[in-house]
Amino acid sequence: MKFDASIVQANIPSPLGNITLAATAQGLAGLWFEGQRHLPTELVSWPSAPNHPVIQQACEQLAEYFAGQRRHFELPLDLSGGTAFQQAVWQALLAVAPGGTVSYGEISQRIGKPGAVRAVGAAIGRNPVSIVVPCHRVLGANGSLTGYAGGLARKTALLQLEGALPETLV
């Protein structure tokens, strides 16, 4: 991934562990859990800017989300660091409603690439804006909880928070 040179970051606590937010003038460019796979190596050099307006908006909306008071995020996004294919996959993820789930195959169908299920999975795994671009709503073809760069325990917790999984499951 290529990130805009103007990118800034801030770290915030969440019920599922610390989160790093990253933003540019265009919008939210990153949301990663501590220890998440595929963290950008450049992260260590991005300046801290907890007062950046997009980061502040994201903090407020995430707090509402974790409190069960928000189902949809209203944030400008900067997904320009991904390839055209990745961006198409991430846009398709944005159409998956809270409380709903889809399979990797369904996402590949939605973007018009039915044979690209593995590539879709790779693009989902590289999603730079977890939670807001809801990659946690993607399940295996048989409905199994597969793959999540932030860990399956977090995926389960997010799906339960949204009502997509019963609390007793897992």
N, C-alpha and C. Protein backbone atom coordinates (compact mmCIF):
# COMPACT_ATOMS: atom_id res chain seq x y z
N MET A 1 0.84 -1.18 0.00
CA MET A 1 0.00 0.00 0.00
C MET A 1 0.88 1.23 0.00
N LYS A 2 0.35 2.25 -0.62
CA LYS A 2 1.03 3.55 -0.62
C LYS A 2 0.15 4.53 0.14
N PHE A 3 0.73 5.19 1.11
CA PHE A 3 -0.01 6.15 1.90
C PHE A 3 0.42 7.57 1.55
N ASP A 4 -0.52 8.48 1.58
CA ASP A 4 -0.29 9.90 1.33
C ASP A 4 0.77 10.43 2.29
N ALA A 5 1.63 11.29 1.79
CA ALA A 5 2.71 11.85 2.60
C ALA A 5 2.20 12.70 3.76
N SER A 6 0.97 13.19 3.67
CA SER A 6 0.43 14.05 4.73
C SER A 6 -0.22 13.27 5.86
N ILE A 7 -0.10 11.96 5.85
CA ILE A 7 -0.80 11.12 6.83
C ILE A 7 -0.32 11.39 8.26
N VAL A 8 -1.28 11.38 9.18
CA VAL A 8 -1.00 11.52 10.61
C VAL A 8 -1.73 10.42 11.35
N GLN A 9 -1.40 10.25 12.61
CA GLN A 9 -1.99 9.15 13.37
C GLN A 9 -2.29 9.54 14.80
N ALA A 10 -3.07 8.69 15.46
CA ALA A 10 -3.35 8.80 16.89
C ALA A 10 -3.73 7.42 17.40
N ASN A 11 -3.47 7.18 18.66
CA ASN A 11 -3.81 5.91 19.29
C ASN A 11 -4.93 6.14 20.28
N ILE A 12 -5.90 5.22 20.27
CA ILE A 12 -7.04 5.34 21.18
C ILE A 12 -7.32 3.97 21.80
N PRO A 13 -7.87 3.97 23.00
CA PRO A 13 -8.29 2.69 23.59
C PRO A 13 -9.66 2.29 23.04
N SER A 14 -9.94 0.99 23.07
CA SER A 14 -11.26 0.48 22.70
C SER A 14 -11.54 -0.74 23.55
N PRO A 15 -12.78 -1.18 23.60
CA PRO A 15 -13.09 -2.40 24.36
C PRO A 15 -12.38 -3.64 23.82
N LEU A 16 -11.89 -3.58 22.59
CA LEU A 16 -11.22 -4.73 21.97
C LEU A 16 -9.72 -4.53 21.86
N GLY A 17 -9.18 -3.56 22.58
CA GLY A 17 -7.75 -3.29 22.54
C GLY A 17 -7.46 -1.95 21.90
N ASN A 18 -6.21 -1.53 22.02
CA ASN A 18 -5.81 -0.24 21.47
C ASN A 18 -5.93 -0.23 19.96
N ILE A 19 -6.31 0.94 19.44
CA ILE A 19 -6.50 1.15 18.01
C ILE A 19 -5.62 2.31 17.56
N THR A 20 -5.00 2.16 16.41
CA THR A 20 -4.30 3.27 15.77
C THR A 20 -5.18 3.76 14.63
N LEU A 21 -5.45 5.05 14.65
CA LEU A 21 -6.19 5.71 13.56
C LEU A 21 -5.21 6.51 12.74
N ALA A 22 -5.41 6.57 11.44
CA ALA A 22 -4.57 7.37 10.56
C ALA A 22 -5.48 8.16 9.62
N ALA A 23 -5.09 9.40 9.35
CA ALA A 23 -5.93 10.25 8.50
C ALA A 23 -5.07 11.14 7.61
N THR A 24 -5.67 11.52 6.50
CA THR A 24 -5.10 12.52 5.60
C THR A 24 -6.11 13.65 5.48
N ALA A 25 -5.80 14.62 4.67
CA ALA A 25 -6.76 15.70 4.43
C ALA A 25 -8.02 15.16 3.75
N GLN A 26 -7.92 14.03 3.03
CA GLN A 26 -9.06 13.46 2.32
C GLN A 26 -9.98 12.65 3.23
N GLY A 27 -9.43 12.05 4.29
CA GLY A 27 -10.28 11.25 5.15
C GLY A 27 -9.52 10.23 5.97
N LEU A 28 -10.27 9.34 6.60
CA LEU A 28 -9.69 8.27 7.41
C LEU A 28 -8.98 7.29 6.49
N ALA A 29 -7.71 7.07 6.74
CA ALA A 29 -6.90 6.21 5.87
C ALA A 29 -6.47 4.92 6.56
N GLY A 30 -6.69 4.84 7.88
CA GLY A 30 -6.28 3.64 8.58
C GLY A 30 -6.98 3.49 9.91
N LEU A 31 -7.25 2.24 10.25
CA LEU A 31 -7.79 1.87 11.56
C LEU A 31 -7.31 0.44 11.81
N TRP A 32 -6.32 0.33 12.70
CA TRP A 32 -5.73 -0.97 12.97
C TRP A 32 -5.73 -1.24 14.47
N PHE A 33 -6.03 -2.49 14.83
CA PHE A 33 -5.90 -2.92 16.21
C PHE A 33 -4.43 -3.16 16.52
N GLU A 34 -4.06 -2.98 17.76
CA GLU A 34 -2.71 -3.30 18.20
C GLU A 34 -2.45 -4.77 17.90
N GLY A 35 -1.31 -5.05 17.27
CA GLY A 35 -0.94 -6.42 16.95
C GLY A 35 -1.60 -6.98 15.70
N GLN A 36 -2.36 -6.17 14.99
CA GLN A 36 -3.06 -6.63 13.79
C GLN A 36 -2.05 -6.99 12.70
N ARG A 37 -2.36 -8.02 11.93
CA ARG A 37 -1.54 -8.35 10.77
C ARG A 37 -1.61 -7.22 9.75
N HIS A 38 -0.57 -7.08 9.00
CA HIS A 38 -0.47 -6.12 7.89
C HIS A 38 -0.42 -4.66 8.37
N LEU A 39 0.07 -4.43 9.58
CA LEU A 39 0.28 -3.04 10.00
C LEU A 39 1.32 -2.42 9.09
N PRO A 40 1.10 -1.20 8.64
CA PRO A 40 2.10 -0.57 7.77
C PRO A 40 3.41 -0.33 8.53
N THR A 41 4.51 -0.64 7.90
CA THR A 41 5.81 -0.41 8.55
C THR A 41 6.08 1.08 8.73
N GLU A 42 5.49 1.91 7.88
CA GLU A 42 5.70 3.36 7.95
C GLU A 42 5.03 3.98 9.17
N LEU A 43 4.15 3.25 9.81
CA LEU A 43 3.37 3.77 10.94
C LEU A 43 4.25 4.46 11.98
N VAL A 44 5.42 3.90 12.25
CA VAL A 44 6.29 4.45 13.29
C VAL A 44 6.78 5.85 12.97
N SER A 45 6.76 6.21 11.70
CA SER A 45 7.28 7.54 11.32
C SER A 45 6.18 8.58 11.10
N TRP A 46 4.92 8.18 11.16
CA TRP A 46 3.84 9.14 10.96
C TRP A 46 3.67 10.01 12.20
N PRO A 47 3.53 11.32 12.02
CA PRO A 47 3.38 12.18 13.19
C PRO A 47 2.06 11.95 13.92
N SER A 48 2.10 12.17 15.22
CA SER A 48 0.91 12.04 16.05
C SER A 48 0.08 13.31 15.92
N ALA A 49 -1.22 13.16 15.71
CA ALA A 49 -2.12 14.31 15.57
C ALA A 49 -3.50 13.96 16.10
N PRO A 50 -3.62 13.76 17.42
CA PRO A 50 -4.92 13.36 17.97
C PRO A 50 -6.01 14.41 17.77
N ASN A 51 -5.65 15.64 17.45
CA ASN A 51 -6.65 16.70 17.24
C ASN A 51 -7.05 16.87 15.78
N HIS A 52 -6.53 16.03 14.89
CA HIS A 52 -6.92 16.08 13.47
C HIS A 52 -8.43 15.89 13.41
N PRO A 53 -9.16 16.71 12.65
CA PRO A 53 -10.63 16.63 12.66
C PRO A 53 -11.19 15.26 12.28
N VAL A 54 -10.59 14.58 11.33
CA VAL A 54 -11.09 13.25 10.94
C VAL A 54 -10.84 12.24 12.06
N ILE A 55 -9.70 12.33 12.69
CA ILE A 55 -9.39 11.42 13.80
C ILE A 55 -10.36 11.69 14.96
N GLN A 56 -10.66 12.94 15.23
CA GLN A 56 -11.61 13.25 16.30
C GLN A 56 -13.01 12.70 15.97
N GLN A 57 -13.43 12.88 14.72
CA GLN A 57 -14.74 12.33 14.29
C GLN A 57 -14.75 10.82 14.46
N ALA A 58 -13.67 10.18 14.03
CA ALA A 58 -13.59 8.72 14.11
C ALA A 58 -13.64 8.27 15.57
N CYS A 59 -12.95 8.97 16.46
CA CYS A 59 -12.97 8.63 17.89
C CYS A 59 -14.40 8.69 18.43
N GLU A 60 -15.10 9.75 18.12
CA GLU A 60 -16.47 9.93 18.61
C GLU A 60 -17.38 8.83 18.07
N GLN A 61 -17.28 8.56 16.77
CA GLN A 61 -18.16 7.57 16.17
C GLN A 61 -17.82 6.15 16.63
N LEU A 62 -16.55 5.86 16.85
CA LEU A 62 -16.18 4.55 17.37
C LEU A 62 -16.71 4.36 18.79
N ALA A 63 -16.63 5.39 19.62
CA ALA A 63 -17.17 5.30 20.98
C ALA A 63 -18.66 5.00 20.94
N GLU A 64 -19.38 5.67 20.04
CA GLU A 64 -20.82 5.42 19.88
C GLU A 64 -21.08 3.99 19.38
N TYR A 65 -20.25 3.54 18.45
CA TYR A 65 -20.39 2.19 17.90
C TYR A 65 -20.21 1.14 19.01
N PHE A 66 -19.13 1.26 19.77
CA PHE A 66 -18.87 0.28 20.82
C PHE A 66 -19.90 0.35 21.94
N ALA A 67 -20.55 1.50 22.10
CA ALA A 67 -21.62 1.63 23.11
C ALA A 67 -22.96 1.14 22.57
N GLY A 68 -22.99 0.67 21.32
CA GLY A 68 -24.23 0.19 20.71
C GLY A 68 -25.16 1.30 20.26
N GLN A 69 -24.65 2.52 20.13
CA GLN A 69 -25.46 3.67 19.75
C GLN A 69 -25.29 4.08 18.29
N ARG A 70 -24.42 3.42 17.56
CA ARG A 70 -24.18 3.75 16.16
C ARG A 70 -24.03 2.47 15.36
N ARG A 71 -24.70 2.42 14.22
CA ARG A 71 -24.59 1.26 13.33
C ARG A 71 -23.89 1.61 12.03
N HIS A 72 -23.95 2.88 11.63
CA HIS A 72 -23.33 3.33 10.37
C HIS A 72 -22.33 4.43 10.67
N PHE A 73 -21.19 4.38 10.01
CA PHE A 73 -20.19 5.42 10.16
C PHE A 73 -20.40 6.48 9.08
N GLU A 74 -20.20 7.70 9.48
CA GLU A 74 -20.30 8.83 8.55
C GLU A 74 -18.98 9.57 8.58
N LEU A 75 -17.99 8.96 7.92
CA LEU A 75 -16.65 9.50 7.90
C LEU A 75 -16.14 9.58 6.47
N PRO A 76 -15.41 10.63 6.14
CA PRO A 76 -14.75 10.63 4.83
C PRO A 76 -13.63 9.59 4.87
N LEU A 77 -13.48 8.85 3.80
CA LEU A 77 -12.46 7.81 3.72
C LEU A 77 -11.43 8.15 2.66
N ASP A 78 -10.19 7.79 2.94
CA ASP A 78 -9.11 7.90 1.95
C ASP A 78 -8.57 6.50 1.75
N LEU A 79 -9.09 5.82 0.74
CA LEU A 79 -8.67 4.45 0.42
C LEU A 79 -7.73 4.42 -0.78
N SER A 80 -7.16 5.57 -1.11
CA SER A 80 -6.37 5.73 -2.33
C SER A 80 -5.06 4.96 -2.31
N GLY A 81 -4.65 4.44 -1.15
CA GLY A 81 -3.41 3.68 -1.07
C GLY A 81 -3.50 2.29 -1.66
N GLY A 82 -4.71 1.82 -1.91
CA GLY A 82 -4.89 0.48 -2.46
C GLY A 82 -4.91 0.47 -3.97
N THR A 83 -4.75 -0.70 -4.54
CA THR A 83 -4.86 -0.85 -5.99
C THR A 83 -6.32 -0.66 -6.40
N ALA A 84 -6.56 -0.53 -7.68
CA ALA A 84 -7.94 -0.40 -8.16
C ALA A 84 -8.77 -1.62 -7.74
N PHE A 85 -8.18 -2.81 -7.82
CA PHE A 85 -8.90 -4.02 -7.41
C PHE A 85 -9.22 -3.98 -5.91
N GLN A 86 -8.23 -3.64 -5.09
CA GLN A 86 -8.47 -3.56 -3.64
C GLN A 86 -9.56 -2.55 -3.34
N GLN A 87 -9.50 -1.40 -3.98
CA GLN A 87 -10.50 -0.37 -3.74
C GLN A 87 -11.90 -0.85 -4.11
N ALA A 88 -12.01 -1.63 -5.19
CA ALA A 88 -13.31 -2.17 -5.59
C ALA A 88 -13.84 -3.12 -4.51
N VAL A 89 -12.95 -3.95 -3.96
CA VAL A 89 -13.35 -4.88 -2.90
C VAL A 89 -13.79 -4.10 -1.68
N TRP A 90 -13.02 -3.10 -1.29
CA TRP A 90 -13.34 -2.32 -0.08
C TRP A 90 -14.65 -1.56 -0.26
N GLN A 91 -14.91 -1.07 -1.46
CA GLN A 91 -16.19 -0.40 -1.72
C GLN A 91 -17.34 -1.40 -1.59
N ALA A 92 -17.14 -2.63 -2.06
CA ALA A 92 -18.18 -3.65 -1.94
C ALA A 92 -18.44 -3.97 -0.47
N LEU A 93 -17.41 -3.95 0.36
CA LEU A 93 -17.59 -4.20 1.79
C LEU A 93 -18.47 -3.13 2.43
N LEU A 94 -18.34 -1.91 1.96
CA LEU A 94 -19.13 -0.81 2.53
C LEU A 94 -20.63 -1.01 2.32
N ALA A 95 -21.00 -1.85 1.36
CA ALA A 95 -22.42 -2.10 1.08
C ALA A 95 -23.02 -3.19 1.97
N VAL A 96 -22.19 -3.85 2.78
CA VAL A 96 -22.69 -4.91 3.67
C VAL A 96 -23.23 -4.24 4.93
N ALA A 97 -24.52 -4.37 5.13
CA ALA A 97 -25.20 -3.67 6.24
C ALA A 97 -24.82 -4.25 7.60
N PRO A 98 -24.83 -3.40 8.63
CA PRO A 98 -24.62 -3.90 9.99
C PRO A 98 -25.63 -5.00 10.31
N GLY A 99 -25.15 -6.03 10.97
CA GLY A 99 -26.01 -7.16 11.29
C GLY A 99 -26.07 -8.19 10.19
N GLY A 100 -25.49 -7.86 9.04
CA GLY A 100 -25.47 -8.79 7.91
C GLY A 100 -24.07 -9.36 7.70
N THR A 101 -24.01 -10.42 6.93
CA THR A 101 -22.73 -11.02 6.57
C THR A 101 -22.80 -11.44 5.10
N VAL A 102 -21.63 -11.62 4.52
CA VAL A 102 -21.50 -12.12 3.15
C VAL A 102 -20.33 -13.09 3.10
N SER A 103 -20.23 -13.82 2.02
CA SER A 103 -19.08 -14.71 1.84
C SER A 103 -18.07 -14.03 0.90
N TYR A 104 -16.88 -14.57 0.88
CA TYR A 104 -15.86 -14.06 -0.03
C TYR A 104 -16.34 -14.19 -1.48
N GLY A 105 -17.02 -15.32 -1.76
CA GLY A 105 -17.55 -15.53 -3.10
C GLY A 105 -18.58 -14.49 -3.49
N GLU A 106 -19.43 -14.09 -2.54
CA GLU A 106 -20.42 -13.06 -2.83
C GLU A 106 -19.75 -11.73 -3.16
N ILE A 107 -18.68 -11.40 -2.44
CA ILE A 107 -17.97 -10.16 -2.74
C ILE A 107 -17.34 -10.25 -4.13
N SER A 108 -16.77 -11.39 -4.47
CA SER A 108 -16.17 -11.52 -5.80
C SER A 108 -17.23 -11.39 -6.90
N GLN A 109 -18.44 -11.90 -6.64
CA GLN A 109 -19.55 -11.74 -7.60
C GLN A 109 -19.93 -10.25 -7.71
N ARG A 110 -20.03 -9.58 -6.58
CA ARG A 110 -20.46 -8.17 -6.57
C ARG A 110 -19.52 -7.26 -7.34
N ILE A 111 -18.23 -7.59 -7.36
CA ILE A 111 -17.29 -6.74 -8.10
C ILE A 111 -17.07 -7.23 -9.52
N GLY A 112 -17.83 -8.24 -9.92
CA GLY A 112 -17.74 -8.73 -11.29
C GLY A 112 -16.54 -9.60 -11.58
N LYS A 113 -15.97 -10.21 -10.54
CA LYS A 113 -14.81 -11.08 -10.69
C LYS A 113 -15.08 -12.41 -9.99
N PRO A 114 -16.04 -13.20 -10.51
CA PRO A 114 -16.45 -14.42 -9.81
C PRO A 114 -15.33 -15.44 -9.59
N GLY A 115 -14.31 -15.41 -10.40
CA GLY A 115 -13.21 -16.37 -10.25
C GLY A 115 -12.09 -15.87 -9.37
N ALA A 116 -12.25 -14.71 -8.78
CA ALA A 116 -11.15 -14.09 -8.02
C ALA A 116 -11.36 -14.17 -6.51
N VAL A 117 -11.92 -15.27 -6.04
CA VAL A 117 -12.24 -15.38 -4.61
C VAL A 117 -10.99 -15.25 -3.74
N ARG A 118 -9.90 -15.89 -4.13
CA ARG A 118 -8.67 -15.79 -3.33
C ARG A 118 -8.11 -14.38 -3.34
N ALA A 119 -8.13 -13.73 -4.50
CA ALA A 119 -7.65 -12.35 -4.58
C ALA A 119 -8.53 -11.42 -3.76
N VAL A 120 -9.83 -11.69 -3.76
CA VAL A 120 -10.76 -10.93 -2.92
C VAL A 120 -10.39 -11.12 -1.46
N GLY A 121 -10.12 -12.35 -1.05
CA GLY A 121 -9.72 -12.63 0.33
C GLY A 121 -8.45 -11.88 0.71
N ALA A 122 -7.49 -11.83 -0.21
CA ALA A 122 -6.25 -11.10 0.06
C ALA A 122 -6.52 -9.61 0.21
N ALA A 123 -7.38 -9.06 -0.65
CA ALA A 123 -7.71 -7.63 -0.57
C ALA A 123 -8.45 -7.32 0.73
N ILE A 124 -9.34 -8.22 1.14
CA ILE A 124 -10.06 -8.02 2.40
C ILE A 124 -9.07 -8.05 3.56
N GLY A 125 -8.12 -8.95 3.52
CA GLY A 125 -7.11 -9.04 4.57
C GLY A 125 -6.25 -7.79 4.68
N ARG A 126 -6.12 -7.07 3.58
CA ARG A 126 -5.30 -5.84 3.55
C ARG A 126 -6.13 -4.58 3.77
N ASN A 127 -7.41 -4.73 4.08
CA ASN A 127 -8.27 -3.58 4.33
C ASN A 127 -7.61 -2.68 5.37
N PRO A 128 -7.31 -1.42 5.02
CA PRO A 128 -6.63 -0.55 5.98
C PRO A 128 -7.56 0.11 7.00
N VAL A 129 -8.85 0.00 6.83
CA VAL A 129 -9.78 0.72 7.72
C VAL A 129 -10.77 -0.27 8.34
N SER A 130 -10.23 -1.13 9.20
CA SER A 130 -11.07 -2.12 9.89
C SER A 130 -12.25 -1.45 10.58
N ILE A 131 -13.27 -2.19 10.80
CA ILE A 131 -14.53 -1.81 11.43
C ILE A 131 -15.33 -0.89 10.51
N VAL A 132 -14.77 0.27 10.13
CA VAL A 132 -15.49 1.24 9.29
C VAL A 132 -15.74 0.64 7.90
N VAL A 133 -14.73 0.04 7.31
CA VAL A 133 -14.89 -0.76 6.09
C VAL A 133 -15.00 -2.19 6.63
N PRO A 134 -16.23 -2.70 6.70
CA PRO A 134 -16.53 -3.86 7.56
C PRO A 134 -16.09 -5.23 7.04
N CYS A 135 -14.79 -5.44 7.03
CA CYS A 135 -14.27 -6.74 6.59
C CYS A 135 -14.64 -7.85 7.58
N HIS A 136 -14.99 -7.49 8.81
CA HIS A 136 -15.39 -8.50 9.80
C HIS A 136 -16.71 -9.16 9.43
N ARG A 137 -17.45 -8.58 8.50
CA ARG A 137 -18.75 -9.14 8.09
C ARG A 137 -18.63 -10.22 7.01
N VAL A 138 -17.40 -10.57 6.64
CA VAL A 138 -17.19 -11.58 5.60
C VAL A 138 -16.88 -12.92 6.26
N LEU A 139 -17.66 -13.93 5.87
CA LEU A 139 -17.53 -15.28 6.41
C LEU A 139 -17.13 -16.25 5.31
N GLY A 140 -16.71 -17.43 5.72
CA GLY A 140 -16.41 -18.48 4.76
C GLY A 140 -17.67 -18.93 4.04
N ALA A 141 -17.51 -19.66 2.95
CA ALA A 141 -18.65 -20.09 2.14
C ALA A 141 -19.68 -20.88 2.95
N ASN A 142 -19.22 -21.60 3.97
CA ASN A 142 -20.12 -22.40 4.80
C ASN A 142 -20.60 -21.65 6.04
N GLY A 143 -20.33 -20.33 6.08
CA GLY A 143 -20.75 -19.52 7.22
C GLY A 143 -19.77 -19.52 8.37
N SER A 144 -18.60 -20.13 8.17
CA SER A 144 -17.61 -20.21 9.25
C SER A 144 -16.89 -18.88 9.44
N LEU A 145 -16.44 -18.67 10.66
CA LEU A 145 -15.65 -17.48 10.98
C LEU A 145 -14.22 -17.75 10.54
N THR A 146 -13.86 -17.19 9.41
CA THR A 146 -12.51 -17.39 8.89
C THR A 146 -11.83 -16.05 8.76
N GLY A 147 -10.53 -16.07 8.91
CA GLY A 147 -9.69 -14.92 8.65
C GLY A 147 -10.17 -13.59 9.17
N TYR A 148 -9.33 -12.92 9.89
CA TYR A 148 -9.54 -11.53 10.28
C TYR A 148 -8.19 -11.05 10.77
N ALA A 149 -7.66 -10.02 10.13
CA ALA A 149 -6.32 -9.55 10.46
C ALA A 149 -6.21 -9.11 11.92
N GLY A 150 -7.33 -8.71 12.52
CA GLY A 150 -7.33 -8.31 13.93
C GLY A 150 -7.54 -9.46 14.89
N GLY A 151 -7.72 -10.68 14.37
CA GLY A 151 -7.92 -11.86 15.20
C GLY A 151 -9.38 -12.28 15.25
N LEU A 152 -9.61 -13.58 15.30
CA LEU A 152 -10.98 -14.11 15.28
C LEU A 152 -11.78 -13.72 16.51
N ALA A 153 -11.13 -13.54 17.65
CA ALA A 153 -11.87 -13.13 18.86
C ALA A 153 -12.47 -11.74 18.64
N ARG A 154 -11.72 -10.85 18.01
CA ARG A 154 -12.26 -9.52 17.73
C ARG A 154 -13.36 -9.58 16.68
N LYS A 155 -13.18 -10.40 15.67
CA LYS A 155 -14.21 -10.55 14.64
C LYS A 155 -15.51 -11.03 15.28
N THR A 156 -15.40 -12.02 16.14
CA THR A 156 -16.57 -12.55 16.83
C THR A 156 -17.25 -11.46 17.65
N ALA A 157 -16.45 -10.70 18.40
CA ALA A 157 -17.01 -9.64 19.25
C ALA A 157 -17.71 -8.57 18.41
N LEU A 158 -17.14 -8.20 17.27
CA LEU A 158 -17.76 -7.19 16.40
C LEU A 158 -19.08 -7.70 15.83
N LEU A 159 -19.09 -8.95 15.39
CA LEU A 159 -20.32 -9.52 14.84
C LEU A 159 -21.39 -9.65 15.92
N GLN A 160 -21.00 -9.99 17.13
CA GLN A 160 -21.96 -10.07 18.22
C GLN A 160 -22.50 -8.68 18.56
N LEU A 161 -21.63 -7.69 18.59
CA LEU A 161 -22.05 -6.32 18.86
C LEU A 161 -23.10 -5.86 17.86
N GLU A 162 -22.93 -6.27 16.60
CA GLU A 162 -23.85 -5.87 15.53
C GLU A 162 -25.08 -6.76 15.42
N GLY A 163 -25.13 -7.82 16.22
CA GLY A 163 -26.27 -8.72 16.18
C GLY A 163 -26.23 -9.74 15.06
N ALA A 164 -25.06 -9.91 14.45
CA ALA A 164 -24.93 -10.90 13.37
C ALA A 164 -24.65 -12.30 13.90
N LEU A 165 -24.23 -12.38 15.16
CA LEU A 165 -23.98 -13.67 15.81
C LEU A 165 -24.66 -13.67 17.17
N PRO A 166 -25.25 -14.77 17.55
CA PRO A 166 -25.81 -14.82 18.90
C PRO A 166 -24.68 -14.78 19.93
N GLU A 167 -24.95 -14.19 21.08
CA GLU A 167 -23.96 -14.07 22.16
C GLU A 167 -23.45 -15.45 22.60
N THR A 168 -24.29 -16.48 22.48
CA THR A 168 -23.91 -17.80 22.97
C THR A 168 -23.00 -18.54 22.01
N LEU A 169 -22.86 -18.06 20.78
CA LEU A 169 -22.02 -18.74 19.81
C LEU A 169 -20.56 -18.51 20.16
N VAL A 170 -19.75 -19.48 19.99
CA VAL A 170 -18.30 -19.46 20.18
C VAL A 170 -17.88 -19.75 21.57
